[in-house]
Amino acid sequence: MLLIPCPWCGQRDEIEFRYGGAAHVEYPADPETVDDATWARYLFVRPNPKGPLAERWCHSQGCRRWFNIVRDTVTHQIMRSYRMEEAP
């Protein structure tokens, strides 16, 4: 089980959180002019590196706030936890 460090509540068990996907995914600048292929890339294509990945998580059974973590996808080691408004 992972121990996830919430920026507001501190370290808690993984079962208190919900995964929200990759962090820092850019929303299309002008969504009304975007073609289907661009929407498909935005919705379905996500990074899948072997190593560090920035992810969004919600502390759903705690403070209920969203935040980002950088987690190694191979070892599951969490390297950093930071609030949504902070720089990556």
C-alpha atoms as a PDB file:
ATOM      1  CA  MET A   1       0.000   0.000   0.000  1.00  0.00           C
ATOM      2  CA  LEU A   2       1.195   3.500  -0.810  1.00  0.00           C
ATOM      3  CA  LEU A   3       1.523   6.233   1.772  1.00  0.00           C
ATOM      4  CA  ILE A   4       0.478   9.386  -0.066  1.00  0.00           C
ATOM      5  CA  PRO A   5       1.543  12.773   1.331  1.00  0.00           C
ATOM      6  CA  CYS A   6      -1.413  15.165   1.122  1.00  0.00           C
ATOM      7  CA  PRO A   7      -0.114  18.777   1.100  1.00  0.00           C
ATOM      8  CA  TRP A   8      -2.781  19.721   3.686  1.00  0.00           C
ATOM      9  CA  CYS A   9      -3.231  16.597   5.839  1.00  0.00           C
ATOM     10  CA  GLY A  10       0.167  14.874   5.708  1.00  0.00           C
ATOM     11  CA  GLN A  11       0.819  11.200   4.931  1.00  0.00           C
ATOM     12  CA  ARG A  12      -2.219   8.948   4.690  1.00  0.00           C
ATOM     13  CA  ASP A  13      -3.014   5.469   3.347  1.00  0.00           C
ATOM     14  CA  GLU A  14      -3.718   5.074  -0.351  1.00  0.00           C
ATOM     15  CA  ILE A  15      -7.329   3.988   0.295  1.00  0.00           C
ATOM     16  CA  GLU A  16      -8.224   7.574   1.304  1.00  0.00           C
ATOM     17  CA  PHE A  17      -7.411   8.906  -2.186  1.00  0.00           C
ATOM     18  CA  ARG A  18      -8.735   8.761  -5.749  1.00  0.00           C
ATOM     19  CA  TYR A  19      -6.495   8.860  -8.798  1.00  0.00           C
ATOM     20  CA  GLY A  20      -7.262  11.623 -11.299  1.00  0.00           C
ATOM     21  CA  GLY A  21      -4.931  10.892 -14.194  1.00  0.00           C
ATOM     22  CA  ALA A  22      -1.906  12.683 -15.558  1.00  0.00           C
ATOM     23  CA  ALA A  23      -1.270  16.195 -14.279  1.00  0.00           C
ATOM     24  CA  HIS A  24      -0.645  19.309 -16.377  1.00  0.00           C
ATOM     25  CA  VAL A  25      -2.632  18.184 -19.432  1.00  0.00           C
ATOM     26  CA  GLU A  26      -3.298  21.303 -21.520  1.00  0.00           C
ATOM     27  CA  TYR A  27      -6.947  22.016 -22.355  1.00  0.00           C
ATOM     28  CA  PRO A  28      -7.328  23.163 -25.995  1.00  0.00           C
ATOM     29  CA  ALA A  29      -7.015  26.958 -26.209  1.00  0.00           C
ATOM     30  CA  ASP A  30     -10.037  27.461 -28.473  1.00  0.00           C
ATOM     31  CA  PRO A  31     -12.231  24.358 -28.050  1.00  0.00           C
ATOM     32  CA  GLU A  32     -14.823  25.438 -30.620  1.00  0.00           C
ATOM     33  CA  THR A  33     -12.285  25.336 -33.455  1.00  0.00           C
ATOM     34  CA  VAL A  34     -10.634  22.025 -32.532  1.00  0.00           C
ATOM     35  CA  ASP A  35     -11.027  19.102 -34.916  1.00  0.00           C
ATOM     36  CA  ASP A  36     -11.925  15.550 -33.884  1.00  0.00           C
ATOM     37  CA  ALA A  37      -8.357  14.263 -34.012  1.00  0.00           C
ATOM     38  CA  THR A  38      -7.190  16.981 -31.605  1.00  0.00           C
ATOM     39  CA  TRP A  39     -10.069  16.218 -29.210  1.00  0.00           C
ATOM     40  CA  ALA A  40      -9.226  12.528 -29.358  1.00  0.00           C
ATOM     41  CA  ARG A  41      -5.589  13.266 -28.459  1.00  0.00           C
ATOM     42  CA  TYR A  42      -6.706  15.520 -25.589  1.00  0.00           C
ATOM     43  CA  LEU A  43      -9.145  12.946 -24.190  1.00  0.00           C
ATOM     44  CA  PHE A  44      -7.300   9.676 -24.675  1.00  0.00           C
ATOM     45  CA  VAL A  45      -3.562  10.151 -25.228  1.00  0.00           C
ATOM     46  CA  ARG A  46      -1.656  10.423 -21.966  1.00  0.00           C
ATOM     47  CA  PRO A  47       1.989  10.057 -21.034  1.00  0.00           C
ATOM     48  CA  ASN A  48       3.007   6.583 -19.915  1.00  0.00           C
ATOM     49  CA  PRO A  49       6.696   6.867 -19.046  1.00  0.00           C
ATOM     50  CA  LYS A  50       8.859   4.341 -17.319  1.00  0.00           C
ATOM     51  CA  GLY A  51       9.973   6.568 -14.456  1.00  0.00           C
ATOM     52  CA  PRO A  52       8.732   9.843 -12.910  1.00  0.00           C
ATOM     53  CA  LEU A  53       5.211  10.975 -13.814  1.00  0.00           C
ATOM     54  CA  ALA A  54       3.187  13.928 -12.493  1.00  0.00           C
ATOM     55  CA  GLU A  55      -0.299  12.746 -11.451  1.00  0.00           C
ATOM     56  CA  ARG A  56      -3.447  14.338 -10.033  1.00  0.00           C
ATOM     57  CA  TRP A  57      -4.947  12.889  -6.851  1.00  0.00           C
ATOM     58  CA  CYS A  58      -7.933  13.791  -4.667  1.00  0.00           C
ATOM     59  CA  HIS A  59      -7.959  13.226  -0.907  1.00  0.00           C
ATOM     60  CA  SER A  60     -11.560  12.006  -1.116  1.00  0.00           C
ATOM     61  CA  GLN A  61     -11.796  10.657   2.451  1.00  0.00           C
ATOM     62  CA  GLY A  62      -9.951  13.566   4.023  1.00  0.00           C
ATOM     63  CA  CYS A  63      -9.805  17.239   3.067  1.00  0.00           C
ATOM     64  CA  ARG A  64     -11.373  16.499  -0.374  1.00  0.00           C
ATOM     65  CA  ARG A  65      -8.818  18.657  -2.163  1.00  0.00           C
ATOM     66  CA  TRP A  66      -7.044  17.952  -5.431  1.00  0.00           C
ATOM     67  CA  PHE A  67      -3.251  18.019  -5.599  1.00  0.00           C
ATOM     68  CA  ASN A  68      -0.382  16.692  -7.690  1.00  0.00           C
ATOM     69  CA  ILE A  69       2.297  14.154  -6.940  1.00  0.00           C
ATOM     70  CA  VAL A  70       5.356  13.019  -8.870  1.00  0.00           C
ATOM     71  CA  ARG A  71       5.524   9.233  -8.674  1.00  0.00           C
ATOM     72  CA  ASP A  72       7.979   6.800 -10.206  1.00  0.00           C
ATOM     73  CA  THR A  73       5.882   4.376 -12.270  1.00  0.00           C
ATOM     74  CA  VAL A  74       8.432   1.580 -11.841  1.00  0.00           C
ATOM     75  CA  THR A  75       9.062   1.682  -8.088  1.00  0.00           C
ATOM     76  CA  HIS A  76       5.883   3.593  -7.037  1.00  0.00           C
ATOM     77  CA  GLN A  77       8.096   5.862  -4.924  1.00  0.00           C
ATOM     78  CA  ILE A  78       6.479   9.268  -4.442  1.00  0.00           C
ATOM     79  CA  MET A  79       9.124  11.917  -4.988  1.00  0.00           C
ATOM     80  CA  ARG A  80       7.094  15.069  -4.469  1.00  0.00           C
ATOM     81  CA  SER A  81       3.632  16.264  -3.509  1.00  0.00           C
ATOM     82  CA  TYR A  82       2.403  19.775  -4.300  1.00  0.00           C
ATOM     83  CA  ARG A  83      -0.768  21.853  -4.498  1.00  0.00           C
ATOM     84  CA  MET A  84      -2.531  22.435  -7.812  1.00  0.00           C
ATOM     85  CA  GLU A  85      -1.619  26.123  -7.910  1.00  0.00           C
ATOM     86  CA  GLU A  86       2.103  25.439  -7.394  1.00  0.00           C
ATOM     87  CA  ALA A  87       4.555  25.077 -10.283  1.00  0.00           C
ATOM     88  CA  PRO A  88       5.454  21.502 -11.268  1.00  0.00           C
END
